[in-house]
Amino acid sequence: MKIILNNEVSKLGSAGDVVEVKPGYARNYLIPEGLAVAWTKGGQKQVDQLVRGRHTRAIHDFEQAQTVADKLKKTDAHIIARVGDNDRLFGSVTAADVAEAVTEAGGPEIDRRRLELPGAIKSIGTYDIKVKLHPEVTARFKLQVTPAKRAKKK
């Protein structure tokens, strides 16, 4: 079955790509989750719009990706989060939180969808975060998650 991807899907393609997948995968997962729409003749207009949007957000060439990767290597992002017992976070740190922390730390602005988090970040500590900037360029940086100061109990 031919589908048009609305978002980047790991190991399948990026937004705007027209791909062939098994019908069950498209009907039961991709389309209900809003990750794709069925291919139609009128769908080409939508594909063109998605490709234009992706082009404006994308890192355009290898050299630009290398420059951003070098900046990221020098960036140490820091997030202060509320913790409960055993230094477990209330909730978890999301990719959007990490992208915002990088920008606040003086690093380059990165797309949260390009981040590869090492599972759910639910406790304090240091994490190694990967960012896929370009098909040939992957950058890494350190993320420090620390607890917010607690109010003293009376």
Protein backbone atom coordinates (compact mmCIF):
# COMPACT_ATOMS: atom_id res chain seq x y z
CA MET A 1 0.00 0.00 0.00
CA LYS A 2 1.34 3.44 -0.92
CA ILE A 3 1.28 6.07 1.83
CA ILE A 4 2.53 9.62 2.35
CA LEU A 5 4.42 10.15 5.61
CA ASN A 6 3.35 13.19 7.67
CA ASN A 7 6.19 12.83 10.20
CA GLU A 8 9.57 11.16 10.33
CA VAL A 9 9.20 7.45 11.05
CA SER A 10 12.29 5.56 12.17
CA LYS A 11 13.65 3.17 9.53
CA LEU A 12 10.90 4.15 7.09
CA GLY A 13 11.34 7.75 5.94
CA SER A 14 10.86 11.44 6.55
CA ALA A 15 7.83 13.70 6.26
CA GLY A 16 6.75 14.02 2.65
CA ASP A 17 8.18 10.70 1.52
CA VAL A 18 5.95 8.37 -0.46
CA VAL A 19 6.64 4.82 0.68
CA GLU A 20 5.24 1.36 0.11
CA VAL A 21 4.28 -0.55 3.31
CA LYS A 22 2.17 -3.54 4.20
CA PRO A 23 -1.54 -2.67 4.34
CA GLY A 24 -1.96 -3.74 7.98
CA TYR A 25 0.93 -1.56 9.17
CA ALA A 26 -0.59 1.44 7.39
CA ARG A 27 -4.21 0.84 8.46
CA ASN A 28 -3.55 -0.21 12.06
CA TYR A 29 -0.65 2.03 13.07
CA LEU A 30 0.60 4.73 10.71
CA ILE A 31 -2.71 6.25 9.63
CA PRO A 32 -4.51 6.15 13.04
CA GLU A 33 -1.48 7.70 14.77
CA GLY A 34 -1.42 10.54 12.23
CA LEU A 35 2.02 9.55 10.97
CA ALA A 36 0.81 8.97 7.41
CA VAL A 37 -2.09 9.34 4.99
CA ALA A 38 -3.12 7.07 2.16
CA TRP A 39 -1.69 7.94 -1.24
CA THR A 40 -4.16 9.51 -3.66
CA LYS A 41 -3.78 11.41 -6.92
CA GLY A 42 -4.55 14.65 -5.08
CA GLY A 43 -1.98 13.76 -2.44
CA GLN A 44 0.87 15.12 -4.52
CA LYS A 45 -0.03 18.67 -3.46
CA GLN A 46 0.28 17.64 0.18
CA VAL A 47 3.61 15.94 -0.52
CA ASP A 48 4.96 19.12 -2.11
CA GLN A 49 3.85 21.19 0.90
CA LEU A 50 5.49 18.78 3.39
CA VAL A 51 8.72 18.74 1.40
CA ARG A 52 8.83 22.55 1.33
CA GLY A 53 8.29 22.69 5.10
CA ARG A 54 10.96 20.06 5.72
CA HIS A 55 13.38 21.90 3.45
CA THR A 56 13.08 25.13 5.45
CA ARG A 57 13.77 23.32 8.77
CA ALA A 58 16.46 20.99 7.49
CA ILE A 59 20.20 21.27 7.75
CA HIS A 60 21.01 21.67 4.08
CA ASP A 61 24.46 20.22 3.61
CA PHE A 62 27.20 18.13 5.16
CA GLU A 63 29.36 21.13 6.14
CA GLN A 64 26.49 22.82 7.97
CA ALA A 65 25.78 19.56 9.83
CA GLN A 66 29.46 19.29 10.82
CA THR A 67 29.42 22.87 12.15
CA VAL A 68 26.32 22.18 14.25
CA ALA A 69 27.87 18.90 15.48
CA ASP A 70 31.02 20.72 16.61
CA LYS A 71 28.92 23.25 18.54
CA LEU A 72 26.93 20.44 20.16
CA LYS A 73 30.08 18.63 21.32
CA LYS A 74 31.05 21.76 23.27
CA THR A 75 27.58 22.13 24.80
CA ASP A 76 26.67 20.74 28.21
CA ALA A 77 22.91 20.95 28.62
CA HIS A 78 21.47 21.13 32.11
CA ILE A 79 17.92 20.44 33.31
CA ILE A 80 16.68 21.05 36.85
CA ALA A 81 13.72 18.82 37.66
CA ARG A 82 11.52 18.09 40.65
CA VAL A 83 12.30 14.76 42.29
CA GLY A 84 10.60 12.52 44.78
CA ASP A 85 11.89 9.61 46.83
CA ASN A 86 14.98 7.75 45.61
CA ASP A 87 15.82 10.67 43.29
CA ARG A 88 13.10 9.68 40.83
CA LEU A 89 11.66 12.49 38.71
CA PHE A 90 8.03 13.52 38.80
CA GLY A 91 7.24 12.62 35.20
CA SER A 92 10.13 12.40 32.76
CA VAL A 93 12.39 14.58 30.65
CA THR A 94 11.08 14.85 27.09
CA ALA A 95 12.87 15.51 23.81
CA ALA A 96 11.35 19.01 23.76
CA ASP A 97 12.84 19.67 27.22
CA VAL A 98 16.26 18.54 26.00
CA ALA A 99 16.10 20.70 22.85
CA GLU A 100 15.15 23.73 24.97
CA ALA A 101 17.98 23.01 27.44
CA VAL A 102 20.52 22.91 24.59
CA THR A 103 19.36 26.30 23.32
CA GLU A 104 19.46 27.77 26.85
CA ALA A 105 23.01 26.44 27.30
CA GLY A 106 24.12 28.48 24.30
CA GLY A 107 24.09 25.59 21.84
CA PRO A 108 22.51 25.53 18.40
CA GLU A 109 18.77 25.26 17.95
CA ILE A 110 17.94 21.63 17.20
CA ASP A 111 14.77 19.85 16.15
CA ARG A 112 13.41 17.67 18.96
CA ARG A 113 12.46 14.97 16.43
CA ARG A 114 16.15 14.46 15.59
CA LEU A 115 17.07 13.60 19.20
CA GLU A 116 17.67 9.99 20.14
CA LEU A 117 17.12 9.71 23.89
CA PRO A 118 18.47 6.63 25.74
CA GLY A 119 15.03 5.46 26.84
CA ALA A 120 12.88 7.42 29.26
CA ILE A 121 14.83 9.86 31.42
CA LYS A 122 13.18 9.40 34.83
CA SER A 123 16.03 9.89 37.30
CA ILE A 124 18.80 12.37 38.01
CA GLY A 125 22.21 11.84 36.46
CA THR A 126 24.26 12.40 33.33
CA TYR A 127 22.98 11.13 29.99
CA ASP A 128 24.65 10.80 26.60
CA ILE A 129 22.27 12.17 23.96
CA LYS A 130 22.58 11.54 20.21
CA VAL A 131 21.30 13.88 17.51
CA LYS A 132 20.97 12.77 13.89
CA LEU A 133 21.71 16.01 12.04
CA HIS A 134 22.29 14.64 8.55
CA PRO A 135 22.28 11.15 7.03
CA GLU A 136 26.08 11.08 7.46
CA VAL A 137 26.44 13.19 10.64
CA THR A 138 25.46 12.18 14.17
CA ALA A 139 26.44 14.38 17.10
CA ARG A 140 26.60 13.59 20.83
CA PHE A 141 26.40 15.80 23.88
CA LYS A 142 26.02 15.42 27.63
CA LEU A 143 22.79 16.17 29.46
CA GLN A 144 22.95 16.73 33.20
CA VAL A 145 19.67 16.24 35.10
CA THR A 146 19.81 17.61 38.66
CA PRO A 147 17.20 17.86 41.39
CA ALA A 148 15.47 21.12 42.25
CA LYS A 149 16.02 22.31 45.79
CA ARG A 150 13.39 20.91 48.11
CA ALA A 151 11.57 22.91 50.74
CA LYS A 152 12.56 21.85 54.26
CA LYS A 153 9.95 19.93 56.21
CA LYS A 154 8.88 21.41 59.56
